[in-house]
Amino acid sequence: MTSYWCSRALLPSGVAERVLVTIADGRFTAVEADADPGDAIRLDGLVLPGLANCHSHAFHRALRGRTQTERGTFWTWREQMYAVASMLTPESYYRLARAVYGEMVLAGITAVGEFHYLHHAPGGRRYDDPNAMGTALIAAARDAGIRIALLDTCYVAGGIDQPLNSIQQRFSDGDAAAWSSRVGLLTGADDVVIGTAAHSIRGVPHEQLGAVAAALPDAPLHIHLSEQVGENAACLDAYGRTPAQVLDETGFLSGRTSAVHATHLTDVDVGLLGNSATYSCFCPTTERDLADGIGPSSALRDAGSPLTLGSDSHAVIDLFEEMRAVELDERLASHERGHWSAAELLKAATVDGHRSLGFDDAGVIEVGARADLVAVRLDSVRTAGTGNTVETAVFAASAADVTDVVVGGQQVVAEGNHVTLDVAGELAASIEAVTE
């Protein structure tokens, strides 16, 4: 049994003072406000529930700073991404992902949704273990101290009615049936959720989407949706319907589904996502970096689609920046303020995010929940004098203000440092190995 005493903590009822939490077997067994610390471990600042990063491509972290040297589009960026994908092996991917997940934990992220489509060896050759790459990601997450939802992704086409290119052969099992058979070999655990995904309308033909949705009917189901105007145009040309309409008619939209990006939507699309309670996973720092556009976050919320957040390509790994970016980008698009409150954005980054990944018992500090804690400084140059409220966390703090992180009762970050990994050193070494 372990106890932590928090000078301030965000509970379901709001921010409380002098909160003592007791943890056994990775879960909160007692949560008491206005309590004496006794011999409990002290956490200063504002203590939040663990954050959920709902959309990650771990190997994209190797692109940070390297794709900013010239002009271009999403499609030219994609070619640089493919170059990195061509270099990875299960061993090098493990090392890179462990470092990336270490960076996430340092930022207060306690669960990650890894949208995993790099399945096979170059040319599509199968490893002896057909899930060697996915297994490497699970091992990397465990060694970094973060829970993972491995969202094994079906990717069988290079575009609508287009063949796979040479790099994309690594992503493909041939068809949805073969993909489903491989996914069936994966097993989850208390700290691992096995979920599924279709890469996009471009990556999975209309007639195979239903098979993807049916593969693991009780697991999280994710898909990239309407990230690019060109994607919508190609879909309309091929099927006479928007991507969201195609997903609706193939049974893809539901309360276990996450539509990632959901940027270029019609009013009908918004209604389809909302009426089905599909999550909308926004990744604002990547959507800015790739010039994707600004999605209709508040319209989706009002229609019934819960918001979640991801760092996607890891242009930065900072869920505080992702939170406030949803509100600030909406201000730019609408010329009005006040679309999202700090409390709503924190809910997206905590409890709703965890639910979308299949960790329904995480993201909240209450008895019975998974014992995740994230301490945020209130005296840094960013947070000092801001009022010490949830608004401080969302609109002033950054990942650099995270001092301590507890995941499932285990302290993974102490005084701003990962307790087992040299994250900066591992990032530098693992990225150099796959970019030379």
Protein backbone atom coordinates (compact mmCIF):
# COMPACT_ATOMS: atom_id res chain seq x y z
CA MET A 1 0.00 0.00 0.00
CA THR A 2 1.29 3.46 -0.97
CA SER A 3 -0.01 6.94 -0.09
CA TYR A 4 0.45 10.27 -1.82
CA TRP A 5 -0.47 13.64 -0.37
CA CYS A 6 -1.39 16.28 -2.95
CA SER A 7 -1.41 19.94 -2.04
CA ARG A 8 -4.12 20.38 -4.69
CA ALA A 9 -5.81 17.72 -6.80
CA LEU A 10 -8.51 17.63 -9.44
CA LEU A 11 -11.27 15.32 -8.19
CA PRO A 12 -14.60 14.62 -9.91
CA SER A 13 -16.13 17.40 -7.79
CA GLY A 14 -13.44 19.92 -8.74
CA VAL A 15 -10.11 21.06 -7.35
CA ALA A 16 -9.68 20.08 -3.70
CA GLU A 17 -6.99 21.02 -1.19
CA ARG A 18 -4.76 18.72 0.86
CA VAL A 19 -5.83 15.48 -0.79
CA LEU A 20 -4.53 12.16 0.58
CA VAL A 21 -4.82 9.16 -1.75
CA THR A 22 -4.11 5.56 -0.83
CA ILE A 23 -3.19 3.01 -3.47
CA ALA A 24 -3.17 -0.78 -3.45
CA ASP A 25 -2.79 -3.15 -6.41
CA GLY A 26 -2.59 -0.22 -8.80
CA ARG A 27 -5.91 1.38 -7.82
CA PHE A 28 -7.11 4.10 -5.51
CA THR A 29 -8.49 2.62 -2.29
CA ALA A 30 -9.10 5.92 -0.51
CA VAL A 31 -9.32 9.58 -1.57
CA GLU A 32 -9.64 12.12 1.26
CA ALA A 33 -9.62 15.93 1.01
CA ASP A 34 -8.38 18.29 3.76
CA ALA A 35 -6.20 15.54 5.16
CA ASP A 36 -2.89 15.58 7.00
CA PRO A 37 0.06 14.19 5.01
CA GLY A 38 1.47 11.88 7.64
CA ASP A 39 4.28 9.88 6.04
CA ALA A 40 2.73 9.98 2.54
CA ILE A 41 4.83 10.94 -0.49
CA ARG A 42 4.20 14.63 -1.18
CA LEU A 43 3.14 15.93 -4.59
CA ASP A 44 3.14 19.70 -4.91
CA GLY A 45 1.44 21.88 -7.50
CA LEU A 46 -1.84 20.83 -9.09
CA VAL A 47 -2.28 17.05 -9.37
CA LEU A 48 -4.35 15.84 -12.31
CA PRO A 49 -5.56 12.40 -13.38
CA GLY A 50 -3.38 10.73 -15.99
CA LEU A 51 -3.64 12.06 -19.54
CA ALA A 52 -4.54 9.88 -22.54
CA ASN A 53 -2.80 10.35 -25.88
CA CYS A 54 -5.37 8.81 -28.19
CA HIS A 55 -3.52 8.93 -31.49
CA SER A 56 0.15 8.15 -31.92
CA HIS A 57 2.41 7.01 -34.73
CA ALA A 58 5.55 6.42 -32.66
CA PHE A 59 8.00 6.34 -35.57
CA HIS A 60 6.88 9.77 -36.80
CA ARG A 61 8.82 11.26 -33.87
CA ALA A 62 11.95 10.76 -35.98
CA LEU A 63 10.63 13.43 -38.38
CA ARG A 64 10.52 16.27 -35.86
CA GLY A 65 12.64 19.16 -37.07
CA ARG A 66 13.58 17.27 -40.24
CA THR A 67 10.50 18.06 -42.30
CA GLN A 68 10.58 21.81 -41.68
CA THR A 69 13.42 22.69 -44.03
CA GLU A 70 11.37 23.21 -47.17
CA ARG A 71 7.87 24.01 -48.35
CA GLY A 72 5.46 21.32 -49.33
CA THR A 73 2.17 19.58 -48.62
CA PHE A 74 0.85 16.68 -46.60
CA TRP A 75 1.76 14.47 -49.55
CA THR A 76 5.41 15.58 -49.72
CA TRP A 77 5.66 15.14 -45.94
CA ARG A 78 4.31 11.62 -46.42
CA GLU A 79 7.25 10.72 -48.66
CA GLN A 80 9.66 11.71 -45.88
CA MET A 81 7.66 9.62 -43.44
CA TYR A 82 7.89 6.62 -45.77
CA ALA A 83 11.67 6.96 -45.84
CA VAL A 84 11.81 6.48 -42.07
CA ALA A 85 9.33 3.60 -42.23
CA SER A 86 11.60 1.82 -44.71
CA MET A 87 14.44 1.72 -42.15
CA LEU A 88 12.74 0.21 -39.12
CA THR A 89 13.15 -3.31 -37.77
CA PRO A 90 11.46 -4.78 -34.69
CA GLU A 91 14.62 -4.07 -32.70
CA SER A 92 15.11 -0.48 -33.86
CA TYR A 93 11.39 0.23 -33.57
CA TYR A 94 11.42 -1.01 -29.97
CA ARG A 95 14.27 1.35 -29.09
CA LEU A 96 12.65 4.33 -30.82
CA ALA A 97 9.19 3.67 -29.38
CA ARG A 98 10.54 3.19 -25.87
CA ALA A 99 12.14 6.63 -26.04
CA VAL A 100 9.00 8.21 -27.54
CA TYR A 101 6.79 6.68 -24.87
CA GLY A 102 9.28 7.88 -22.29
CA GLU A 103 8.82 11.40 -23.62
CA MET A 104 5.06 10.94 -23.31
CA VAL A 105 5.29 9.87 -19.67
CA LEU A 106 7.46 12.90 -18.91
CA ALA A 107 4.60 14.98 -20.35
CA GLY A 108 2.02 13.42 -18.00
CA ILE A 109 0.61 10.87 -20.46
CA THR A 110 -0.29 7.58 -18.80
CA ALA A 111 -1.96 5.76 -21.72
CA VAL A 112 -1.32 5.87 -25.46
CA GLY A 113 -3.35 4.75 -28.44
CA GLU A 114 -0.78 3.51 -30.95
CA PHE A 115 -2.25 3.55 -34.48
CA HIS A 116 -0.05 0.74 -35.71
CA TYR A 117 0.29 -0.08 -39.40
CA LEU A 118 4.01 -0.86 -39.83
CA HIS A 119 3.51 -4.63 -39.64
CA HIS A 120 5.94 -6.43 -41.92
CA ALA A 121 9.49 -6.43 -43.25
CA PRO A 122 10.49 -4.53 -46.42
CA GLY A 123 8.60 -5.70 -49.47
CA GLY A 124 5.86 -7.12 -47.27
CA ARG A 125 7.91 -10.15 -46.19
CA ARG A 126 6.50 -11.68 -43.00
CA TYR A 127 8.59 -11.92 -39.88
CA ASP A 128 8.71 -15.33 -38.17
CA ASP A 129 6.44 -13.74 -35.57
CA PRO A 130 3.80 -12.05 -37.77
CA ASN A 131 3.19 -9.54 -34.97
CA ALA A 132 6.85 -8.80 -34.27
CA MET A 133 6.42 -5.05 -34.76
CA GLY A 134 3.31 -4.84 -32.58
CA THR A 135 4.96 -6.94 -29.89
CA ALA A 136 7.92 -4.55 -29.96
CA LEU A 137 5.57 -1.61 -29.34
CA ILE A 138 3.92 -3.35 -26.40
CA ALA A 139 7.33 -4.12 -24.88
CA ALA A 140 8.44 -0.53 -25.44
CA ALA A 141 5.36 0.84 -23.67
CA ARG A 142 5.84 -1.46 -20.70
CA ASP A 143 9.50 -0.55 -20.36
CA ALA A 144 8.66 3.17 -20.53
CA GLY A 145 5.94 2.78 -17.89
CA ILE A 146 2.88 3.65 -19.97
CA ARG A 147 -0.28 1.67 -20.78
CA ILE A 148 -0.94 1.01 -24.46
CA ALA A 149 -3.94 0.43 -26.66
CA LEU A 150 -2.37 -1.23 -29.69
CA LEU A 151 -4.73 -0.20 -32.49
CA ASP A 152 -3.70 -2.73 -35.11
CA THR A 153 -4.47 -1.09 -38.44
CA CYS A 154 -5.75 -2.60 -41.67
CA TYR A 155 -4.05 -1.02 -44.70
CA VAL A 156 -4.57 -2.77 -48.03
CA ALA A 157 -4.66 -0.09 -50.75
CA GLY A 158 -2.44 2.79 -51.80
CA GLY A 159 -5.49 4.98 -52.37
CA ILE A 160 -8.98 4.49 -53.73
CA ASP A 161 -8.54 2.08 -56.67
CA GLN A 162 -4.75 2.42 -56.39
CA PRO A 163 -2.15 -0.30 -55.71
CA LEU A 164 0.25 -0.19 -52.80
CA ASN A 165 3.62 1.43 -53.40
CA SER A 166 6.85 -0.31 -52.43
CA ILE A 167 6.92 1.08 -48.87
CA GLN A 168 3.22 0.47 -48.26
CA GLN A 169 3.83 -3.25 -48.85
CA ARG A 170 5.14 -3.27 -45.27
CA PHE A 171 1.75 -2.09 -44.05
CA SER A 172 -0.46 -4.62 -45.80
CA ASP A 173 -1.71 -8.13 -45.06
CA GLY A 174 -3.30 -8.34 -48.52
CA ASP A 175 -6.91 -7.95 -47.49
CA ALA A 176 -9.07 -7.45 -44.42
CA ALA A 177 -9.56 -11.19 -43.88
CA ALA A 178 -5.81 -11.87 -43.67
CA TRP A 179 -5.33 -8.82 -41.48
CA SER A 180 -8.07 -10.06 -39.13
CA SER A 181 -6.42 -13.48 -38.85
CA ARG A 182 -3.12 -11.90 -37.82
CA VAL A 183 -4.78 -9.58 -35.30
CA GLY A 184 -6.47 -12.61 -33.76
CA LEU A 185 -3.03 -13.82 -32.63
CA LEU A 186 -2.53 -10.77 -30.38
CA THR A 187 -3.48 -10.93 -26.71
CA GLY A 188 -4.16 -8.11 -24.30
CA ALA A 189 -3.45 -7.74 -20.60
CA ASP A 190 -4.31 -5.42 -17.74
CA ASP A 191 -1.97 -2.79 -19.17
CA VAL A 192 -2.55 -3.62 -22.85
CA VAL A 193 -5.73 -3.22 -24.91
CA ILE A 194 -5.79 -4.79 -28.36
CA GLY A 195 -7.94 -2.60 -30.59
CA THR A 196 -8.41 -2.29 -34.32
CA ALA A 197 -8.35 0.39 -36.98
CA ALA A 198 -8.81 1.00 -40.66
CA HIS A 199 -6.17 3.37 -41.93
CA SER A 200 -8.64 5.51 -43.91
CA ILE A 201 -11.11 5.45 -46.76
CA ARG A 202 -8.02 5.60 -48.96
CA GLY A 203 -6.32 2.63 -47.29
CA VAL A 204 -9.27 0.22 -47.01
CA PRO A 205 -11.77 -0.26 -49.84
CA HIS A 206 -15.46 0.31 -49.17
CA GLU A 207 -16.30 -3.40 -49.42
CA GLN A 208 -13.74 -4.37 -46.74
CA LEU A 209 -14.60 -1.78 -44.08
CA GLY A 210 -17.35 -3.92 -42.59
CA ALA A 211 -14.91 -6.77 -42.02
CA VAL A 212 -12.56 -4.44 -40.17
CA ALA A 213 -15.38 -3.19 -37.96
CA ALA A 214 -16.45 -6.76 -37.17
CA ALA A 215 -12.99 -8.16 -36.40
CA LEU A 216 -12.98 -7.35 -32.65
CA PRO A 217 -16.55 -6.20 -31.97
CA ASP A 218 -15.99 -5.25 -28.34
CA ALA A 219 -12.68 -3.43 -28.80
CA PRO A 220 -11.84 0.17 -29.64
CA LEU A 221 -12.09 0.93 -33.38
CA HIS A 222 -10.28 3.90 -34.94
CA ILE A 223 -9.89 5.45 -38.41
CA HIS A 224 -8.41 8.56 -40.02
CA LEU A 225 -11.40 10.54 -41.32
CA SER A 226 -11.53 13.47 -43.74
CA GLU A 227 -8.08 14.75 -42.89
CA GLN A 228 -7.53 16.12 -46.38
CA VAL A 229 -9.82 17.84 -48.89
CA GLY A 230 -8.34 15.60 -51.56
CA GLU A 231 -9.43 12.51 -49.63
CA ASN A 232 -13.02 13.77 -49.60
CA ALA A 233 -12.96 14.57 -53.30
CA ALA A 234 -11.63 11.13 -54.20
CA CYS A 235 -14.25 9.45 -52.03
CA LEU A 236 -17.09 11.45 -53.57
CA ASP A 237 -15.81 10.66 -57.03
CA ALA A 238 -15.53 6.91 -56.34
CA TYR A 239 -18.56 6.30 -54.13
CA GLY A 240 -20.79 9.34 -54.52
CA ARG A 241 -20.71 9.83 -50.76
CA THR A 242 -18.50 11.51 -48.17
CA PRO A 243 -16.10 9.37 -46.10
CA ALA A 244 -18.36 9.71 -43.05
CA GLN A 245 -21.35 8.52 -45.09
CA VAL A 246 -19.36 5.51 -46.29
CA LEU A 247 -18.43 4.66 -42.71
CA ASP A 248 -22.04 4.98 -41.62
CA GLU A 249 -23.35 2.60 -44.26
CA THR A 250 -20.64 0.01 -43.52
CA GLY A 251 -21.45 -0.11 -39.79
CA PHE A 252 -18.22 1.59 -38.76
CA LEU A 253 -19.62 4.41 -36.61
CA SER A 254 -20.49 3.66 -32.97
CA GLY A 255 -19.70 4.53 -29.38
CA ARG A 256 -16.49 2.48 -29.56
CA THR A 257 -15.24 4.23 -32.70
CA SER A 258 -12.85 7.16 -32.89
CA ALA A 259 -12.75 9.33 -36.01
CA VAL A 260 -9.25 10.81 -36.06
CA HIS A 261 -8.93 14.39 -37.36
CA ALA A 262 -12.53 14.76 -38.63
CA THR A 263 -11.40 18.02 -40.19
CA HIS A 264 -13.37 18.55 -43.40
CA LEU A 265 -16.94 17.57 -42.54
CA THR A 266 -20.33 18.52 -43.90
CA ASP A 267 -23.24 19.20 -41.57
CA VAL A 268 -24.55 15.73 -42.44
CA ASP A 269 -21.18 14.23 -41.47
CA VAL A 270 -21.26 16.01 -38.12
CA GLY A 271 -24.72 14.61 -37.48
CA LEU A 272 -23.62 11.07 -38.33
CA LEU A 273 -20.73 11.17 -35.89
CA GLY A 274 -22.83 12.78 -33.19
CA ASN A 275 -25.85 10.51 -33.52
CA SER A 276 -23.62 7.43 -33.29
CA ALA A 277 -21.65 8.84 -30.30
CA THR A 278 -18.44 8.31 -32.27
CA TYR A 279 -15.45 10.00 -30.65
CA SER A 280 -13.73 12.80 -32.56
CA CYS A 281 -9.99 12.65 -31.95
CA PHE A 282 -8.38 16.00 -32.70
CA CYS A 283 -4.59 16.35 -33.07
CA PRO A 284 -4.18 20.12 -33.42
CA THR A 285 -0.39 20.36 -33.37
CA THR A 286 -0.10 17.86 -36.22
CA GLU A 287 -3.06 19.33 -38.08
CA ARG A 288 -1.26 22.68 -37.96
CA ASP A 289 2.10 21.18 -38.92
CA LEU A 290 0.63 19.43 -41.97
CA ALA A 291 -1.63 22.36 -42.91
CA ASP A 292 -4.66 20.08 -42.66
CA GLY A 293 -7.14 22.68 -41.45
CA ILE A 294 -9.32 23.34 -38.41
CA GLY A 295 -12.04 20.84 -37.60
CA PRO A 296 -15.53 21.70 -36.24
CA SER A 297 -14.85 20.64 -32.65
CA SER A 298 -17.70 22.47 -30.92
CA ALA A 299 -20.25 21.46 -33.58
CA LEU A 300 -19.24 17.83 -33.10
CA ARG A 301 -19.54 18.14 -29.33
CA ASP A 302 -22.96 19.74 -29.61
CA ALA A 303 -24.08 16.94 -31.93
CA GLY A 304 -23.05 14.27 -29.41
CA SER A 305 -19.52 13.31 -30.46
CA PRO A 306 -17.11 13.32 -27.49
CA LEU A 307 -13.74 14.99 -28.00
CA THR A 308 -10.45 13.20 -27.45
CA LEU A 309 -6.89 14.31 -28.19
CA GLY A 310 -3.71 12.93 -29.74
CA SER A 311 -0.21 14.04 -30.63
CA ASP A 312 -0.26 12.01 -33.89
CA SER A 313 3.02 12.77 -35.70
CA HIS A 314 4.62 14.17 -32.52
CA ALA A 315 5.50 17.56 -33.95
CA VAL A 316 5.34 18.18 -30.21
CA ILE A 317 4.31 15.84 -27.40
CA ASP A 318 2.33 18.08 -25.08
CA LEU A 319 -1.32 17.34 -24.25
CA PHE A 320 -1.65 20.75 -22.59
CA GLU A 321 -0.88 22.35 -25.95
CA GLU A 322 -3.35 20.01 -27.68
CA MET A 323 -6.06 20.95 -25.17
CA ARG A 324 -5.78 24.68 -25.52
CA ALA A 325 -5.24 24.45 -29.26
CA VAL A 326 -8.77 23.09 -29.71
CA GLU A 327 -10.19 26.27 -28.19
CA LEU A 328 -7.66 28.66 -29.72
CA ASP A 329 -8.01 27.22 -33.23
CA GLU A 330 -11.78 27.46 -32.96
CA ARG A 331 -11.37 31.12 -32.04
CA LEU A 332 -9.34 31.68 -35.21
CA ALA A 333 -11.96 29.96 -37.34
CA SER A 334 -14.99 31.66 -35.75
CA HIS A 335 -13.60 35.03 -34.59
CA GLU A 336 -15.22 34.33 -31.22
CA ARG A 337 -13.93 33.15 -27.84
CA GLY A 338 -15.26 30.73 -25.27
CA HIS A 339 -16.13 27.55 -27.19
CA TRP A 340 -14.49 25.14 -24.73
CA SER A 341 -14.03 25.47 -20.98
CA ALA A 342 -10.89 24.23 -19.26
CA ALA A 343 -12.95 21.56 -17.49
CA GLU A 344 -14.32 20.26 -20.80
CA LEU A 345 -10.86 20.09 -22.34
CA LEU A 346 -9.45 18.27 -19.32
CA LYS A 347 -12.28 15.75 -19.58
CA ALA A 348 -11.31 15.13 -23.20
CA ALA A 349 -7.68 14.61 -22.19
CA THR A 350 -8.45 12.33 -19.25
CA VAL A 351 -11.62 10.30 -18.73
CA ASP A 352 -13.01 10.47 -22.29
CA GLY A 353 -9.62 9.80 -23.80
CA HIS A 354 -9.08 6.72 -21.67
CA ARG A 355 -12.55 5.42 -22.47
CA SER A 356 -11.92 5.73 -26.20
CA LEU A 357 -8.86 3.49 -25.75
CA GLY A 358 -10.68 0.83 -23.76
CA PHE A 359 -9.38 1.88 -20.35
CA ASP A 360 -12.80 2.68 -18.93
CA ASP A 361 -11.54 2.76 -15.33
CA ALA A 362 -8.86 5.43 -15.78
CA GLY A 363 -8.62 9.21 -16.07
CA VAL A 364 -10.22 10.12 -12.75
CA ILE A 365 -9.00 10.33 -9.15
CA GLU A 366 -11.58 8.30 -7.24
CA VAL A 367 -11.81 5.06 -5.31
CA GLY A 368 -11.60 2.04 -7.61
CA ALA A 369 -10.01 3.85 -10.54
CA ARG A 370 -6.54 3.13 -11.86
CA ALA A 371 -4.08 5.06 -9.72
CA ASP A 372 -2.61 7.61 -12.13
CA LEU A 373 -1.41 11.00 -10.91
CA VAL A 374 0.25 13.90 -12.76
CA ALA A 375 1.71 16.78 -10.75
CA VAL A 376 1.95 20.13 -12.56
CA ARG A 377 4.06 23.02 -11.24
CA LEU A 378 2.21 26.16 -10.26
CA ASP A 379 5.35 28.27 -9.72
CA SER A 380 7.12 28.08 -13.08
CA VAL A 381 7.58 31.07 -15.36
CA ARG A 382 4.55 29.84 -17.29
CA THR A 383 2.20 29.15 -14.39
CA ALA A 384 3.18 31.61 -11.65
CA GLY A 385 0.45 34.09 -10.82
CA THR A 386 -2.21 32.41 -12.97
CA GLY A 387 -4.65 31.47 -10.20
CA ASN A 388 -3.75 27.83 -9.54
CA THR A 389 -6.94 26.50 -11.17
CA VAL A 390 -7.80 24.12 -13.99
CA GLU A 391 -7.46 27.12 -16.30
CA THR A 392 -3.80 27.25 -15.26
CA ALA A 393 -3.29 23.68 -16.41
CA VAL A 394 -5.07 24.07 -19.75
CA PHE A 395 -4.21 27.62 -20.81
CA ALA A 396 -0.83 28.27 -19.16
CA ALA A 397 1.06 25.05 -18.38
CA SER A 398 3.13 22.94 -20.73
CA ALA A 399 4.63 19.47 -20.62
CA ALA A 400 7.75 21.06 -19.14
CA ASP A 401 5.75 21.83 -15.98
CA VAL A 402 5.09 18.17 -15.18
CA THR A 403 7.20 17.18 -12.18
CA ASP A 404 5.90 13.78 -11.07
CA VAL A 405 3.89 11.02 -12.73
CA VAL A 406 2.38 7.91 -11.15
CA VAL A 407 1.03 5.17 -13.45
CA GLY A 408 -0.99 2.37 -11.89
CA GLY A 409 0.44 3.22 -8.49
CA GLN A 410 4.07 3.18 -9.68
CA GLN A 411 6.05 6.42 -9.77
CA VAL A 412 7.52 6.70 -13.25
CA VAL A 413 8.59 10.37 -13.19
CA ALA A 414 10.11 12.05 -10.12
CA GLU A 415 11.19 15.70 -9.96
CA GLY A 416 10.94 15.99 -13.74
CA ASN A 417 13.05 12.94 -14.56
CA HIS A 418 12.08 9.49 -15.78
CA VAL A 419 13.06 7.05 -13.04
CA THR A 420 14.61 4.44 -15.37
CA LEU A 421 15.28 5.99 -18.80
CA ASP A 422 17.60 8.66 -20.16
CA VAL A 423 14.84 9.79 -22.51
CA ALA A 424 16.74 12.54 -24.32
CA GLY A 425 19.75 10.31 -24.87
CA GLU A 426 17.62 7.41 -26.08
CA LEU A 427 15.68 9.66 -28.44
CA ALA A 428 18.88 11.01 -30.00
CA ALA A 429 20.45 7.59 -30.44
CA SER A 430 17.38 5.78 -31.73
CA ILE A 431 16.48 8.51 -34.22
CA GLU A 432 20.02 8.76 -35.54
CA ALA A 433 19.94 5.01 -36.18
CA VAL A 434 16.94 5.22 -38.51
CA THR A 435 17.56 8.52 -40.29
CA GLU A 436 21.14 8.20 -41.53
